């Protein structure tokens, strides 16, 4: 078989030059995490750049109160990664509300959860909007009885998952703990542990305040953002932080910069300069693995999917004679190819029946989202086209571009083969997982039509070598 390096998109070849990036290509950790934070905005149904804007607000508050530089560094990454665990409760939110989890999550950010009246109005407005009245009433009664424990369950799941992923990526305990305690309130009325006052890490206290300010600024502007923060002083927020926010909010720079098209670059300058971290190859691998966990947490039906696709793609690629650098690139591609699925509601992803036209159109956008997100990160940009093309078919009937034949690079054909194989052998809402033999027989019917024959042969060979029953 032809060596894989000759089959990859030309833009990918630079990634294979070395096991380590040259000094001139050293990449700051802040650039990688800042770019990937756009994926976290998707899973919360928030406007693109939400985490970046929260980081701008939060770092201005941290500077205003004179935080030590190490704490500022921890705050910086807490702000960018505050939502890294949010995909873990998406399916549960969808189940409880019988509604679009992205819309529910986005609207939930706008209410004061310590206000019974606001919380009641939110539940009534968002609970099973398209369901029959009897079902809605039943769900309302269930939430009325179990609402507090269910809320704690959702927040605990998100915060613990986020803290765990941050730690696995390699962030220090203050960052992980800042994410874990994000939803604690100054008066003890928050979750998951009901911590109060200065028992809540300063990173968490600032991140929650900055988050609320950004959400209301995006909806109604500076005046409403300031009003909402002041209204929650002493309940949600540390009063001294509210005072600091009032000081920074009095300057036009804070608000004007939130609309600046170069805000990403400005935010990168806020990381304490002598504590700037640079990523090496192993840490880039850790980041890819961590975000694969974020992706796969979105739905119970995709648990482990990204990791398995990476493994299957590597098994296929080895039949083409990959070298170690090529294998590393392909592994990252497999791990991150579905990052755009964070922007698709679980009401669609987990639907057991046939999708309607509107739902199908949303599904077809997920590779577009993947391409856009990965293209933001220079270390992953060489794989953005491949990730955005993993649902293309040789016969031109794939999506999103309808590429055909030679227009589809061989590495995309490898990824597509691995992706479909895992989908067939895993439980999905619309079918139970098939055996290896059954999956290969189904794919064989589309040899040369959807799947590249060489890739299909390589998949079969790899399964035989692994001891799987392929026949």
Protein backbone atom coordinates (compact mmCIF):
# COMPACT_ATOMS: atom_id res chain seq x y z
CA UNK A 1 0.00 0.00 0.00
CA UNK A 2 1.03 3.59 -0.58
CA UNK A 3 2.71 5.30 2.42
CA UNK A 4 0.18 7.42 4.27
CA UNK A 5 2.29 10.59 4.12
CA UNK A 6 1.80 10.74 0.34
CA UNK A 7 -1.95 10.46 0.78
CA UNK A 8 -2.50 13.25 3.30
CA UNK A 9 -3.59 16.79 2.42
CA UNK A 10 -0.55 18.89 1.55
CA UNK A 11 -1.17 21.21 4.50
CA UNK A 12 -0.79 18.28 6.86
CA UNK A 13 2.75 17.41 5.88
CA UNK A 14 4.36 20.14 7.96
CA UNK A 15 2.98 18.44 11.06
CA UNK A 16 5.21 15.45 10.35
CA UNK A 17 8.49 17.34 10.15
CA UNK A 18 9.51 16.48 13.71
CA UNK A 19 8.39 14.75 16.85
CA UNK A 20 8.71 18.19 18.44
CA UNK A 21 7.77 21.52 16.91
CA UNK A 22 10.74 23.74 16.02
CA UNK A 23 11.51 26.62 18.39
CA UNK A 24 10.00 29.11 15.96
CA UNK A 25 6.72 27.20 16.12
CA UNK A 26 6.45 26.97 19.90
CA UNK A 27 2.83 27.29 20.83
CA UNK A 28 1.54 28.88 23.99
CA UNK A 29 -0.90 26.77 25.98
CA UNK A 30 -3.18 29.80 26.15
CA UNK A 31 -3.56 29.82 22.37
CA UNK A 32 -4.59 26.16 22.27
CA UNK A 33 -7.03 26.36 25.19
CA UNK A 34 -8.44 29.72 24.12
CA UNK A 35 -9.22 28.41 20.64
CA UNK A 36 -10.73 25.17 21.94
CA UNK A 37 -12.91 27.11 24.38
CA UNK A 38 -15.12 27.89 21.37
CA UNK A 39 -16.16 24.23 21.46
CA UNK A 40 -17.30 24.69 25.07
CA UNK A 41 -19.46 27.64 23.99
CA UNK A 42 -21.22 25.29 21.57
CA UNK A 43 -22.17 22.75 24.22
CA UNK A 44 -23.77 25.45 26.36
CA UNK A 45 -25.71 27.01 23.48
CA UNK A 46 -23.89 30.31 24.02
CA UNK A 47 -22.66 32.83 21.44
CA UNK A 48 -19.21 32.05 20.05
CA UNK A 49 -16.43 33.54 22.15
CA UNK A 50 -18.33 33.44 25.47
CA UNK A 51 -15.44 31.89 27.42
CA UNK A 52 -12.95 34.32 25.87
CA UNK A 53 -15.10 37.26 26.92
CA UNK A 54 -15.55 35.82 30.41
CA UNK A 55 -11.77 35.52 30.63
CA UNK A 56 -11.38 39.20 29.69
CA UNK A 57 -13.83 40.30 32.39
CA UNK A 58 -12.50 37.94 35.05
CA UNK A 59 -8.85 38.80 34.52
CA UNK A 60 -9.64 42.49 34.78
CA UNK A 61 -11.30 41.82 38.15
CA UNK A 62 -8.35 39.70 39.30
CA UNK A 63 -5.91 42.44 38.35
CA UNK A 64 -8.06 45.09 40.03
CA UNK A 65 -7.91 43.29 43.40
CA UNK A 66 -4.18 42.65 43.08
CA UNK A 67 -4.10 38.86 42.94
CA UNK A 68 -0.61 37.30 43.06
CA UNK A 69 0.72 36.32 39.63
CA UNK A 70 0.43 32.57 40.24
CA UNK A 71 -3.20 32.96 41.28
CA UNK A 72 -3.80 35.10 38.19
CA UNK A 73 -2.36 32.31 36.08
CA UNK A 74 -4.68 29.77 37.74
CA UNK A 75 -7.61 32.15 37.31
CA UNK A 76 -6.80 32.57 33.63
CA UNK A 77 -7.22 28.87 32.85
CA UNK A 78 -10.19 28.47 35.20
CA UNK A 79 -11.99 31.15 33.19
CA UNK A 80 -11.22 29.56 29.83
CA UNK A 81 -12.06 26.02 30.97
CA UNK A 82 -14.97 26.71 33.32
CA UNK A 83 -17.40 24.85 31.02
CA UNK A 84 -15.20 21.88 30.16
CA UNK A 85 -17.50 19.50 32.06
CA UNK A 86 -20.76 20.84 30.67
CA UNK A 87 -21.27 18.17 28.02
CA UNK A 88 -21.55 15.51 30.73
CA UNK A 89 -25.05 16.56 31.80
CA UNK A 90 -26.44 17.36 28.33
CA UNK A 91 -28.29 14.05 27.94
CA UNK A 92 -29.76 14.31 31.45
CA UNK A 93 -30.94 17.91 30.86
CA UNK A 94 -32.58 16.78 27.63
CA UNK A 95 -34.26 13.87 29.42
CA UNK A 96 -35.51 15.92 32.39
CA UNK A 97 -36.85 18.82 30.33
CA UNK A 98 -37.85 16.81 27.25
CA UNK A 99 -36.47 19.71 25.25
CA UNK A 100 -33.43 21.05 23.40
CA UNK A 101 -30.62 20.90 25.97
CA UNK A 102 -28.68 23.71 24.27
CA UNK A 103 -31.64 26.10 24.52
CA UNK A 104 -32.43 25.08 28.10
CA UNK A 105 -28.83 25.55 29.21
CA UNK A 106 -28.53 28.94 27.51
CA UNK A 107 -31.72 30.26 29.11
CA UNK A 108 -30.81 28.82 32.51
CA UNK A 109 -27.78 31.12 32.63
CA UNK A 110 -30.18 34.07 32.70
CA UNK A 111 -32.07 33.28 35.92
CA UNK A 112 -31.32 33.71 39.59
CA UNK A 113 -31.59 30.14 40.86
CA UNK A 114 -32.07 31.42 44.41
CA UNK A 115 -35.30 33.11 43.34
CA UNK A 116 -38.22 30.68 43.61
CA UNK A 117 -40.37 32.81 41.30
CA UNK A 118 -37.71 33.02 38.57
CA UNK A 119 -36.96 29.31 38.84
CA UNK A 120 -40.66 28.41 38.65
CA UNK A 121 -41.22 30.58 35.58
CA UNK A 122 -38.16 29.05 33.93
CA UNK A 123 -39.33 25.49 34.52
CA UNK A 124 -42.87 26.17 33.31
CA UNK A 125 -41.60 27.90 30.16
CA UNK A 126 -38.98 25.30 29.24
CA UNK A 127 -40.38 21.97 30.41
CA UNK A 128 -41.55 19.66 27.59
CA UNK A 129 -42.89 22.52 25.43
CA UNK A 130 -44.14 20.18 22.71
CA UNK A 131 -45.49 17.43 24.94
CA UNK A 132 -49.18 16.72 25.74
CA UNK A 133 -50.53 18.53 28.79
CA UNK A 134 -50.70 15.37 30.91
CA UNK A 135 -47.02 14.64 30.32
CA UNK A 136 -46.05 18.24 31.09
CA UNK A 137 -47.98 18.19 34.35
CA UNK A 138 -46.34 14.92 35.36
CA UNK A 139 -42.89 16.33 34.71
CA UNK A 140 -43.75 19.52 36.61
CA UNK A 141 -44.81 17.50 39.64
CA UNK A 142 -41.63 15.42 39.44
CA UNK A 143 -39.43 18.53 39.32
CA UNK A 144 -41.41 20.18 42.12
CA UNK A 145 -40.74 17.20 44.37
CA UNK A 146 -37.17 16.38 43.33
CA UNK A 147 -35.98 19.68 41.86
CA UNK A 148 -33.33 20.48 44.47
CA UNK A 149 -31.67 17.05 44.34
CA UNK A 150 -31.86 16.95 40.53
CA UNK A 151 -30.23 20.37 40.31
CA UNK A 152 -27.43 19.22 42.59
CA UNK A 153 -27.04 16.06 40.50
CA UNK A 154 -26.68 18.03 37.25
CA UNK A 155 -24.23 20.54 38.67
CA UNK A 156 -22.18 17.92 40.50
CA UNK A 157 -21.88 15.86 37.32
CA UNK A 158 -20.71 18.85 35.33
CA UNK A 159 -18.30 20.23 37.93
CA UNK A 160 -16.69 16.93 38.88
CA UNK A 161 -16.32 15.88 35.26
CA UNK A 162 -14.79 19.24 34.35
CA UNK A 163 -12.35 19.17 37.24
CA UNK A 164 -11.30 15.64 36.31
CA UNK A 165 -10.67 16.47 32.67
CA UNK A 166 -8.69 19.60 33.59
CA UNK A 167 -6.50 17.54 35.92
CA UNK A 168 -5.93 14.87 33.25
CA UNK A 169 -4.89 17.52 30.74
CA UNK A 170 -2.25 18.57 33.24
CA UNK A 171 -3.63 21.63 35.00
CA UNK A 172 -2.76 22.23 38.65
CA UNK A 173 -5.20 21.66 41.51
CA UNK A 174 -6.26 25.34 41.82
CA UNK A 175 -7.58 25.25 38.24
CA UNK A 176 -9.37 21.93 38.72
CA UNK A 177 -10.84 23.09 42.03
CA UNK A 178 -11.83 26.44 40.52
CA UNK A 179 -13.88 24.54 37.93
CA UNK A 180 -15.29 22.15 40.54
CA UNK A 181 -16.61 25.01 42.72
CA UNK A 182 -17.82 27.28 39.91
CA UNK A 183 -21.49 27.20 40.95
CA UNK A 184 -21.01 27.79 44.67
CA UNK A 185 -22.62 31.00 45.97
CA UNK A 186 -21.27 33.44 48.54
CA UNK A 187 -24.19 32.83 50.94
CA UNK A 188 -23.97 29.04 50.70
CA UNK A 189 -26.98 28.69 48.41
CA UNK A 190 -25.09 27.21 45.47
CA UNK A 191 -23.94 23.76 44.39
CA UNK A 192 -22.50 21.18 44.49
CA UNK A 193 -21.36 21.40 48.12
CA UNK A 194 -23.11 24.47 49.53
CA UNK A 195 -19.76 26.11 50.31
CA UNK A 196 -19.94 29.74 51.45
CA UNK A 197 -17.77 32.84 51.73
CA UNK A 198 -14.04 32.46 51.48
CA UNK A 199 -14.34 28.68 51.57
CA UNK A 200 -15.07 29.08 47.86
CA UNK A 201 -11.84 29.42 45.85
CA UNK A 202 -11.19 32.93 44.58
CA UNK A 203 -10.94 31.54 41.05
CA UNK A 204 -14.49 30.19 41.30
CA UNK A 205 -15.87 33.38 42.84
CA UNK A 206 -14.47 35.53 40.05
CA UNK A 207 -15.41 33.09 37.28
CA UNK A 208 -19.07 32.94 38.29
CA UNK A 209 -19.33 36.72 38.53
CA UNK A 210 -17.61 37.19 35.16
CA UNK A 211 -19.89 34.58 33.61
CA UNK A 212 -23.08 36.32 34.74
CA UNK A 213 -21.74 39.70 33.61
CA UNK A 214 -20.90 38.35 30.14
CA UNK A 215 -24.26 36.63 29.66
CA UNK A 216 -26.27 39.73 30.47
CA UNK A 217 -23.91 42.01 28.57
CA UNK A 218 -24.43 39.87 25.47
CA UNK A 219 -28.21 40.10 25.87
CA UNK A 220 -28.79 43.66 27.05
CA UNK A 221 -25.49 45.54 27.30
CA UNK A 222 -23.28 46.99 30.07
CA UNK A 223 -26.01 48.57 32.19
CA UNK A 224 -27.93 45.31 32.64
CA UNK A 225 -24.73 43.34 33.23
CA UNK A 226 -23.74 45.69 36.05
CA UNK A 227 -27.25 45.70 37.50
CA UNK A 228 -27.46 41.89 37.60
CA UNK A 229 -24.09 41.61 39.33
CA UNK A 230 -24.98 44.25 41.93
CA UNK A 231 -28.36 42.62 42.55
CA UNK A 232 -26.64 39.36 43.52
CA UNK A 233 -24.02 40.93 45.79
CA UNK A 234 -23.98 39.10 49.11
CA UNK A 235 -26.06 36.21 47.79
CA UNK A 236 -24.27 34.84 44.73
CA UNK A 237 -21.22 37.06 44.84
CA UNK A 238 -18.50 38.21 47.21
CA UNK A 239 -19.38 41.91 47.85
CA UNK A 240 -15.71 42.92 47.59
CA UNK A 241 -15.54 41.39 44.09
CA UNK A 242 -18.72 43.22 43.11
CA UNK A 243 -17.03 46.48 44.17
CA UNK A 244 -13.97 45.60 42.11
CA UNK A 245 -16.19 44.83 39.13
CA UNK A 246 -17.91 48.20 39.50
CA UNK A 247 -14.49 49.85 39.31
CA UNK A 248 -13.42 48.07 36.11
CA UNK A 249 -16.93 48.46 34.64
CA UNK A 250 -16.62 52.23 35.00
CA UNK A 251 -14.01 52.24 32.23
CA UNK A 252 -15.12 52.05 28.60
CA UNK A 253 -12.17 49.76 27.81
CA UNK A 254 -13.77 46.79 29.55
CA UNK A 255 -16.92 46.90 27.44
CA UNK A 256 -15.42 48.13 24.18
CA UNK A 257 -12.90 45.32 24.11
CA UNK A 258 -15.68 42.73 24.35
CA UNK A 259 -16.71 43.76 20.84
CA UNK A 260 -13.16 43.82 19.44
CA UNK A 261 -12.57 41.31 16.65
CA UNK A 262 -9.05 40.75 18.03
CA UNK A 263 -10.21 39.98 21.57
CA UNK A 264 -8.60 36.51 21.41
CA UNK A 265 -5.18 38.12 20.97
CA UNK A 266 -5.80 40.65 23.73
CA UNK A 267 -6.88 37.90 26.12
CA UNK A 268 -3.65 36.00 25.45
CA UNK A 269 -1.70 39.02 26.70
CA UNK A 270 -3.47 38.78 30.07
CA UNK A 271 -1.69 35.58 31.06
CA UNK A 272 1.15 36.56 33.44
CA UNK A 273 4.08 36.91 31.06
CA UNK A 274 6.76 35.14 33.10
CA UNK A 275 4.38 32.23 33.73
CA UNK A 276 3.41 31.63 30.10
CA UNK A 277 3.30 27.90 29.42
CA UNK A 278 4.26 26.31 26.12
CA UNK A 279 2.92 22.98 24.96
CA UNK A 280 5.04 20.05 23.82
CA UNK A 281 3.89 17.04 21.84
CA UNK A 282 2.87 14.89 24.83
CA UNK A 283 0.77 17.71 26.27
CA UNK A 284 -0.91 18.31 22.92
CA UNK A 285 -1.81 14.62 22.97
CA UNK A 286 -3.21 15.04 26.49
CA UNK A 287 -5.31 18.01 25.37
CA UNK A 288 -6.67 16.03 22.42
CA UNK A 289 -7.54 13.14 24.74
CA UNK A 290 -9.17 15.48 27.24
CA UNK A 291 -11.36 17.13 24.63
CA UNK A 292 -12.23 13.70 23.23
CA UNK A 293 -13.63 12.98 26.70
CA UNK A 294 -15.66 16.20 26.49
CA UNK A 295 -17.03 15.14 23.09
CA UNK A 296 -17.89 11.60 24.14
CA UNK A 297 -19.59 12.78 27.35
CA UNK A 298 -22.23 14.51 25.25
CA UNK A 299 -24.30 11.34 24.79
CA UNK A 300 -24.39 7.93 26.49
CA UNK A 301 -24.42 6.44 22.99
CA UNK A 302 -21.07 7.98 22.09
CA UNK A 303 -19.19 7.06 25.25
CA UNK A 304 -15.67 6.16 24.10
CA UNK A 305 -16.49 6.74 20.42
CA UNK A 306 -13.70 9.24 19.68
CA UNK A 307 -11.05 7.09 21.36
CA UNK A 308 -12.22 3.99 19.50
CA UNK A 309 -12.29 5.79 16.15
CA UNK A 310 -8.72 6.95 16.79
CA UNK A 311 -7.70 3.36 17.55
CA UNK A 312 -9.42 1.94 14.46
CA UNK A 313 -7.96 4.68 12.25
CA UNK A 314 -4.47 3.92 13.59
CA UNK A 315 -4.99 0.21 12.96
CA UNK A 316 -5.98 0.96 9.36
CA UNK A 317 -3.19 3.49 8.92
CA UNK A 318 -0.53 1.03 10.06
CA UNK A 319 -1.38 -1.07 7.02
CA UNK A 320 -0.23 1.94 4.95
CA UNK A 321 3.16 2.08 6.69
CA UNK A 322 2.79 5.11 8.93
CA UNK A 323 5.77 6.50 10.77
CA UNK A 324 5.38 7.62 14.45
CA UNK A 325 4.73 11.29 13.61
CA UNK A 326 2.03 10.33 11.12
CA UNK A 327 0.44 8.02 13.69
CA UNK A 328 0.37 10.85 16.23
CA UNK A 329 -1.34 13.15 13.73
CA UNK A 330 -3.93 10.53 12.77
CA UNK A 331 -4.60 9.71 16.43
CA UNK A 332 -5.36 13.37 17.18
CA UNK A 333 -7.63 13.55 14.14
CA UNK A 334 -9.59 10.54 15.35
CA UNK A 335 -9.90 11.99 18.84
CA UNK A 336 -11.15 15.40 17.68
CA UNK A 337 -13.08 14.69 14.46
CA UNK A 338 -16.48 14.95 16.17
CA UNK A 339 -15.84 18.07 18.26
CA UNK A 340 -18.59 19.83 16.29
CA UNK A 341 -21.17 17.46 17.76
CA UNK A 342 -21.05 19.61 20.89
CA UNK A 343 -23.22 22.03 18.91
CA UNK A 344 -25.98 19.48 18.24
CA UNK A 345 -28.79 19.01 20.75
CA UNK A 346 -29.18 15.67 22.49
CA UNK A 347 -32.83 15.76 21.48
CA UNK A 348 -31.43 15.01 18.02
CA UNK A 349 -28.36 12.92 18.87
CA UNK A 350 -30.29 10.57 21.16
CA UNK A 351 -33.52 10.44 19.17
CA UNK A 352 -34.56 6.81 18.61
CA UNK A 353 -36.76 7.53 15.60
CA UNK A 354 -36.23 9.07 12.18
CA UNK A 355 -34.95 12.65 12.09
CA UNK A 356 -37.08 15.29 10.40
CA UNK A 357 -35.60 17.62 7.78
CA UNK A 358 -34.72 20.35 10.28
CA UNK A 359 -33.04 17.90 12.65
CA UNK A 360 -31.11 16.27 9.83
CA UNK A 361 -29.91 19.69 8.65
CA UNK A 362 -28.53 20.34 12.14
CA UNK A 363 -26.72 17.00 12.20
CA UNK A 364 -25.13 17.79 8.84
CA UNK A 365 -23.61 20.92 10.37
CA UNK A 366 -21.51 19.08 12.95
CA UNK A 367 -18.51 18.40 10.63
CA UNK A 368 -18.65 22.07 9.62
CA UNK A 369 -18.40 23.05 13.28
CA UNK A 370 -15.51 20.59 13.72
CA UNK A 371 -13.61 22.17 10.85
CA UNK A 372 -14.21 25.70 12.12
CA UNK A 373 -13.07 24.92 15.66
CA UNK A 374 -9.94 22.98 14.70
CA UNK A 375 -8.99 25.63 12.17
CA UNK A 376 -8.68 28.11 15.06
CA UNK A 377 -5.82 26.10 16.61
CA UNK A 378 -2.65 26.18 14.54
CA UNK A 379 -1.46 22.86 15.95
CA UNK A 380 -4.73 21.23 14.82
CA UNK A 381 -5.51 23.34 11.76
CA UNK A 382 -3.81 20.91 9.37
CA UNK A 383 -6.45 18.33 10.25
CA UNK A 384 -9.46 20.68 10.11
CA UNK A 385 -10.40 19.81 6.52
CA UNK A 386 -10.15 16.10 7.23
CA UNK A 387 -12.33 16.40 10.34
CA UNK A 388 -14.83 18.43 8.36
CA UNK A 389 -14.99 15.76 5.65
CA UNK A 390 -15.45 12.56 7.63
CA UNK A 391 -19.02 12.08 6.38
CA UNK A 392 -18.13 12.36 2.70
CA UNK A 393 -18.62 9.34 0.41
CA UNK A 394 -16.80 8.22 -2.71
CA UNK A 395 -20.05 8.44 -4.70
CA UNK A 396 -20.55 12.11 -3.80
CA UNK A 397 -23.63 11.48 -1.64
CA UNK A 398 -21.96 12.44 1.62
CA UNK A 399 -21.95 15.76 3.45
CA UNK A 400 -21.30 18.63 3.99
CA UNK A 401 -19.61 19.33 0.63
CA UNK A 402 -20.67 16.33 -1.42
CA UNK A 403 -17.06 15.53 -2.33
CA UNK A 404 -16.55 12.70 -4.78
CA UNK A 405 -13.83 10.20 -5.66
CA UNK A 406 -10.39 11.79 -5.93
CA UNK A 407 -11.63 14.92 -4.14
CA UNK A 408 -11.56 12.93 -0.90
CA UNK A 409 -8.01 12.54 0.53
CA UNK A 410 -7.02 9.05 1.58
CA UNK A 411 -6.68 10.05 5.22
CA UNK A 412 -10.35 11.09 5.17
CA UNK A 413 -11.23 7.70 3.72
CA UNK A 414 -9.38 6.06 6.62
CA UNK A 415 -11.24 8.20 9.15
CA UNK A 416 -14.63 7.56 7.51
CA UNK A 417 -14.05 3.80 7.54
CA UNK A 418 -13.08 3.86 11.22
CA UNK A 419 -15.99 6.14 12.14
CA UNK A 420 -18.68 4.04 10.45
CA UNK A 421 -17.23 0.79 11.79
CA UNK A 422 -17.47 2.07 15.36
CA UNK A 423 -20.98 3.43 14.77
CA UNK A 424 -22.11 0.02 13.51
CA UNK A 425 -20.53 -1.97 16.34
CA UNK A 426 -21.79 0.35 19.10
CA UNK A 427 -25.26 0.72 20.58
CA UNK A 428 -27.06 3.72 19.13
CA UNK A 429 -30.61 4.99 19.81
CA UNK A 430 -31.68 3.71 16.39
CA UNK A 431 -29.93 0.29 16.43
CA UNK A 432 -28.15 -2.11 18.79
CA UNK A 433 -24.44 -2.69 18.27
CA UNK A 434 -23.62 -5.27 15.59
CA UNK A 435 -20.92 -7.89 15.76
CA UNK A 436 -17.65 -7.27 13.92
CA UNK A 437 -18.67 -9.74 11.24
CA UNK A 438 -22.08 -8.10 10.76
CA UNK A 439 -20.57 -4.61 10.59
CA UNK A 440 -17.97 -5.62 8.01
CA UNK A 441 -20.64 -7.35 5.92
CA UNK A 442 -22.74 -4.16 5.92
CA UNK A 443 -19.76 -2.04 4.92
CA UNK A 444 -18.76 -4.51 2.22
CA UNK A 445 -22.00 -3.71 0.39
CA UNK A 446 -20.72 -0.15 -0.06
CA UNK A 447 -17.19 -1.08 -1.17
CA UNK A 448 -16.06 1.50 -3.68
CA UNK A 449 -19.34 3.38 -3.25
CA UNK A 450 -19.04 4.84 0.25
CA UNK A 451 -15.80 3.23 1.40
CA UNK A 452 -12.35 3.06 -0.09
CA UNK A 453 -11.55 -0.61 -0.94
CA UNK A 454 -7.98 -0.38 0.39
CA UNK A 455 -9.22 1.08 3.68
CA UNK A 456 -11.86 -1.60 4.00
CA UNK A 457 -9.28 -4.31 3.37
CA UNK A 458 -6.96 -2.71 5.93
CA UNK A 459 -9.78 -2.61 8.49
CA UNK A 460 -10.51 -6.30 7.94
CA UNK A 461 -6.83 -7.18 8.21
CA UNK A 462 -6.44 -5.20 11.42
CA UNK A 463 -9.46 -6.91 12.95
CA UNK A 464 -8.08 -10.32 12.06
CA UNK A 465 -4.74 -9.45 13.62
CA UNK A 466 -6.44 -8.24 16.80
CA UNK A 467 -8.23 -11.56 17.12
CA UNK A 468 -11.72 -10.24 16.36
CA UNK A 469 -14.13 -12.53 14.61
CA UNK A 470 -14.38 -10.89 11.20
CA UNK A 471 -16.19 -13.73 9.49
